[in-house]
Amino acid sequence: MTASPNSASEHFLLHPDPPPVDLVRSLSLAGYRWSSTQGHAAGEEWTGAIVSVVEDAERGWLLCRDLRRRDVPLEPLLVLIPGDRLHELDDRGELFDDFLIAPFHPAELEARLKHLLWQVGRGVRPELVEYGPLRLNTETYQAQIEGRPLDLTYMEYELLRFLAATPGRVFSRETLLNQVWGYEYYGGARTVDVHIRRLRAKLGQEHANLIQTIRSVGYKLGQSRWG
């Protein structure tokens, strides 16, 4: 994992004290500075906060409330929360900017922080692949159709991203196997057909025709931007 050019200037306040080891390790590898809630210097300023409510939800939410009540509210504020306690987010939307389910993947943490920093006017906009109602975030490996999240496997995502990157271009099954699965993959062309069928099902009936079959040739997604 490599640090972004501006990451060293970003300083995050972490809760609890001591902060989770995996969080500290991920931030350090990404090049971000951090201080714990009790180990910081008096009067020190931060450019964001990451609050874990995994072990002590009550104190975590109280801290979020305090940070939002400052003369200059601290943002962005990311909350770490277990998947089985997502209901705690209800009616607390004003206390945080985004949440991350614990345990988390370091790449997802870094991607979310980059996105949050961009939203508040710092950092670089996440790289997106977009076509019509389809949006793919190449940093978080998330995909949406008309704002609806798509639950894709890694290879389904890679195939969809490859097609969406050059709309209107027709690819043979052999080309897709080589470019998406790699030259070392020995599966047959049927592998592509199976994944295309699954993608269409997940896109839903309304959008399944985004991926078109070109008889005796292969597949394409949408129409060329060049008409």
Protein backbone atom coordinates (compact mmCIF):
# COMPACT_ATOMS: atom_id res chain seq x y z
CA MET A 1 0.00 0.00 0.00
CA THR A 2 1.42 3.38 -0.98
CA ALA A 3 0.74 6.70 0.63
CA SER A 4 -1.00 9.42 -1.35
CA PRO A 5 1.02 12.61 -2.01
CA ASN A 6 -0.93 14.63 0.59
CA SER A 7 -1.46 11.93 3.19
CA ALA A 8 1.44 13.01 5.40
CA SER A 9 -0.31 16.35 6.01
CA GLU A 10 -3.46 14.64 7.29
CA HIS A 11 -3.61 14.04 11.03
CA PHE A 12 -6.36 11.82 12.45
CA LEU A 13 -7.63 11.65 16.01
CA LEU A 14 -8.23 8.03 17.05
CA HIS A 15 -10.52 6.51 19.67
CA PRO A 16 -10.21 4.54 21.92
CA ASP A 17 -6.89 4.87 23.72
CA PRO A 18 -4.89 2.83 22.94
CA PRO A 19 -6.36 2.63 19.42
CA PRO A 20 -6.88 -0.71 17.64
CA VAL A 21 -3.60 -2.18 16.42
CA ASP A 22 -4.92 -2.94 12.93
CA LEU A 23 -6.13 0.67 12.57
CA VAL A 24 -2.79 2.14 13.63
CA ARG A 25 -0.88 -0.20 11.32
CA SER A 26 -3.10 0.62 8.33
CA LEU A 27 -2.86 4.38 8.86
CA SER A 28 0.89 4.27 9.30
CA LEU A 29 1.40 2.20 6.14
CA ALA A 30 -0.80 4.64 4.21
CA GLY A 31 1.33 7.56 5.41
CA TYR A 32 -1.23 9.25 7.71
CA ARG A 33 -0.34 10.80 11.07
CA TRP A 34 -2.49 10.03 14.09
CA SER A 35 -2.96 10.72 17.81
CA SER A 36 -5.06 8.87 20.34
CA THR A 37 -7.80 10.67 22.25
CA GLN A 38 -5.82 10.70 25.48
CA GLY A 39 -2.30 10.82 24.13
CA HIS A 40 -2.48 14.06 22.12
CA ALA A 41 -0.90 17.38 22.93
CA ALA A 42 -3.16 20.06 24.38
CA GLY A 43 -4.61 22.35 21.74
CA GLU A 44 -3.48 20.17 18.88
CA GLU A 45 -5.60 20.28 15.75
CA TRP A 46 -6.60 17.36 13.57
CA THR A 47 -7.89 17.10 10.03
CA GLY A 48 -10.26 14.22 10.81
CA ALA A 49 -11.18 11.54 13.32
CA ILE A 50 -11.70 7.78 13.35
CA VAL A 51 -13.86 6.55 16.21
CA SER A 52 -14.26 2.86 16.98
CA VAL A 53 -17.49 1.89 18.71
CA VAL A 54 -16.57 -1.80 18.62
CA GLU A 55 -15.77 -2.24 22.32
CA ASP A 56 -17.27 0.79 24.06
CA ALA A 57 -20.16 2.14 22.01
CA GLU A 58 -21.36 4.61 24.62
CA ARG A 59 -18.06 6.47 24.91
CA GLY A 60 -17.50 6.28 21.17
CA TRP A 61 -20.83 7.94 20.32
CA LEU A 62 -20.35 10.55 23.05
CA LEU A 63 -16.99 11.47 21.51
CA CYS A 64 -18.57 11.76 18.07
CA ARG A 65 -21.16 14.12 19.54
CA ASP A 66 -18.50 16.22 21.26
CA LEU A 67 -16.42 16.49 18.08
CA ARG A 68 -19.45 17.63 16.13
CA ARG A 69 -20.27 20.29 18.78
CA ARG A 70 -16.88 21.99 18.54
CA ASP A 71 -16.81 25.60 17.34
CA VAL A 72 -15.40 24.15 14.12
CA PRO A 73 -16.85 20.62 13.83
CA LEU A 74 -14.19 17.99 13.13
CA GLU A 75 -14.62 16.41 9.73
CA PRO A 76 -14.35 14.00 8.15
CA LEU A 77 -15.35 11.60 10.90
CA LEU A 78 -15.27 7.87 10.18
CA VAL A 79 -16.90 5.34 12.53
CA LEU A 80 -15.74 1.73 12.90
CA ILE A 81 -18.61 -0.57 13.85
CA PRO A 82 -19.31 -4.34 13.87
CA GLY A 83 -21.65 -5.62 11.19
CA ASP A 84 -24.13 -6.96 13.74
CA ARG A 85 -24.57 -3.49 15.29
CA LEU A 86 -25.37 -1.43 12.22
CA HIS A 87 -28.70 -0.52 13.80
CA GLU A 88 -26.72 1.87 16.05
CA LEU A 89 -26.23 4.10 13.00
CA ASP A 90 -29.96 4.82 12.88
CA ASP A 91 -30.82 8.40 13.86
CA ARG A 92 -27.11 9.24 14.29
CA GLY A 93 -26.35 10.39 10.74
CA GLU A 94 -25.34 13.85 11.92
CA LEU A 95 -22.56 12.39 14.10
CA PHE A 96 -20.38 10.88 11.34
CA ASP A 97 -19.54 11.20 7.64
CA ASP A 98 -19.04 7.51 6.83
CA PHE A 99 -18.73 4.16 8.57
CA LEU A 100 -16.58 1.08 8.08
CA ILE A 101 -17.51 -2.41 9.22
CA ALA A 102 -14.97 -4.02 11.55
CA PRO A 103 -12.90 -6.01 10.94
CA PHE A 104 -11.92 -4.05 7.86
CA HIS A 105 -9.51 -4.44 4.94
CA PRO A 106 -6.65 -1.87 4.95
CA ALA A 107 -7.25 -1.02 1.27
CA GLU A 108 -10.90 -0.20 1.97
CA LEU A 109 -9.95 2.03 4.91
CA GLU A 110 -7.48 3.98 2.79
CA ALA A 111 -9.98 4.29 -0.08
CA ARG A 112 -12.72 5.58 2.21
CA LEU A 113 -10.40 8.12 3.81
CA LYS A 114 -9.31 9.39 0.39
CA HIS A 115 -12.95 9.75 -0.62
CA LEU A 116 -13.88 11.56 2.60
CA LEU A 117 -10.94 13.94 2.32
CA TRP A 118 -11.94 14.73 -1.25
CA GLN A 119 -15.53 15.42 -0.13
CA VAL A 120 -14.37 18.06 2.36
CA GLY A 121 -12.08 19.70 -0.19
CA ARG A 122 -8.81 17.88 0.45
CA GLY A 123 -7.17 15.01 -1.37
CA VAL A 124 -7.80 13.56 -4.81
CA ARG A 125 -11.16 12.47 -6.23
CA PRO A 126 -11.50 8.66 -6.31
CA GLU A 127 -11.06 7.15 -9.76
CA LEU A 128 -14.42 6.15 -11.16
CA VAL A 129 -15.53 4.27 -14.24
CA GLU A 130 -18.98 5.47 -15.24
CA TYR A 131 -21.40 4.66 -18.02
CA GLY A 132 -25.00 5.81 -17.85
CA PRO A 133 -26.48 4.52 -14.57
CA LEU A 134 -23.41 2.35 -13.91
CA ARG A 135 -20.64 3.52 -11.57
CA LEU A 136 -17.55 1.59 -10.48
CA ASN A 137 -15.06 2.81 -7.88
CA THR A 138 -11.68 1.34 -8.82
CA GLU A 139 -10.24 2.01 -5.35
CA THR A 140 -12.90 0.35 -3.24
CA TYR A 141 -14.03 -2.27 -5.80
CA GLN A 142 -17.59 -1.09 -5.29
CA ALA A 143 -20.15 -0.98 -8.09
CA GLN A 144 -23.58 0.65 -8.32
CA ILE A 145 -26.41 0.76 -10.82
CA GLU A 146 -28.67 3.82 -10.37
CA GLY A 147 -27.26 4.12 -6.85
CA ARG A 148 -28.08 0.50 -5.98
CA PRO A 149 -25.03 -1.45 -4.74
CA LEU A 150 -24.09 -4.51 -6.78
CA ASP A 151 -22.87 -7.57 -4.88
CA LEU A 152 -20.16 -8.75 -7.27
CA THR A 153 -17.41 -11.30 -6.97
CA TYR A 154 -13.87 -10.14 -7.76
CA MET A 155 -13.92 -11.57 -11.29
CA GLU A 156 -17.42 -10.26 -11.99
CA TYR A 157 -16.24 -6.81 -10.98
CA GLU A 158 -13.10 -7.05 -13.11
CA LEU A 159 -15.08 -8.19 -16.16
CA LEU A 160 -17.64 -5.40 -15.74
CA ARG A 161 -14.92 -2.79 -15.22
CA PHE A 162 -13.04 -3.95 -18.33
CA LEU A 163 -16.14 -3.72 -20.50
CA ALA A 164 -17.27 -0.39 -19.05
CA ALA A 165 -13.86 1.23 -19.54
CA THR A 166 -14.34 1.17 -23.34
CA PRO A 167 -18.11 1.31 -23.99
CA GLY A 168 -19.23 0.18 -27.41
CA ARG A 169 -16.11 -1.83 -28.15
CA VAL A 170 -16.66 -5.49 -28.95
CA PHE A 171 -14.41 -8.06 -27.29
CA SER A 172 -14.14 -11.71 -28.23
CA ARG A 173 -14.37 -14.33 -25.51
CA GLU A 174 -10.69 -15.15 -26.01
CA THR A 175 -9.70 -11.51 -25.54
CA LEU A 176 -11.76 -11.26 -22.36
CA LEU A 177 -10.17 -14.45 -21.02
CA ASN A 178 -6.70 -13.07 -21.70
CA GLN A 179 -7.30 -9.55 -20.43
CA VAL A 180 -9.51 -10.24 -17.40
CA TRP A 181 -8.49 -13.70 -16.25
CA GLY A 182 -4.92 -13.51 -17.54
CA TYR A 183 -2.80 -15.45 -19.98
CA GLU A 184 -2.12 -18.17 -17.42
CA TYR A 185 -5.81 -19.00 -17.10
CA TYR A 186 -6.71 -22.27 -18.79
CA GLY A 187 -10.49 -22.10 -18.51
CA GLY A 188 -12.58 -22.21 -21.68
CA ALA A 189 -14.73 -19.55 -23.29
CA ARG A 190 -17.72 -20.85 -21.35
CA THR A 191 -16.24 -19.16 -18.28
CA VAL A 192 -16.91 -15.79 -19.91
CA ASP A 193 -20.48 -16.76 -20.82
CA VAL A 194 -21.23 -17.83 -17.24
CA HIS A 195 -19.90 -14.58 -15.79
CA ILE A 196 -21.78 -12.48 -18.35
CA ARG A 197 -25.00 -14.28 -17.43
CA ARG A 198 -24.38 -13.61 -13.73
CA LEU A 199 -23.62 -9.95 -14.36
CA ARG A 200 -26.83 -9.48 -16.31
CA ALA A 201 -28.81 -11.09 -13.51
CA LYS A 202 -27.23 -8.79 -10.94
CA LEU A 203 -27.75 -5.69 -13.09
CA GLY A 204 -31.44 -6.54 -13.08
CA GLN A 205 -33.95 -6.90 -15.86
CA GLU A 206 -34.06 -3.17 -16.52
CA HIS A 207 -30.31 -2.89 -17.13
CA ALA A 208 -29.33 -6.39 -18.29
CA ASN A 209 -29.20 -5.17 -21.88
CA LEU A 210 -26.26 -2.90 -21.03
CA ILE A 211 -24.14 -5.93 -21.89
CA GLN A 212 -24.88 -6.98 -25.45
CA THR A 213 -24.02 -10.21 -27.22
CA ILE A 214 -22.50 -9.79 -30.67
CA ARG A 215 -23.26 -13.03 -32.44
CA SER A 216 -20.23 -15.09 -33.46
CA VAL A 217 -17.93 -12.41 -32.03
CA GLY A 218 -18.30 -11.72 -28.32
CA TYR A 219 -19.65 -9.01 -26.02
CA LYS A 220 -19.76 -5.26 -25.57
CA LEU A 221 -21.16 -2.87 -22.97
CA GLY A 222 -23.29 0.02 -24.16
CA GLN A 223 -22.58 2.32 -27.07
CA SER A 224 -19.38 4.09 -28.00
CA ARG A 225 -19.05 7.64 -26.69
CA TRP A 226 -18.04 8.58 -30.22
CA GLY A 227 -21.45 7.59 -31.56
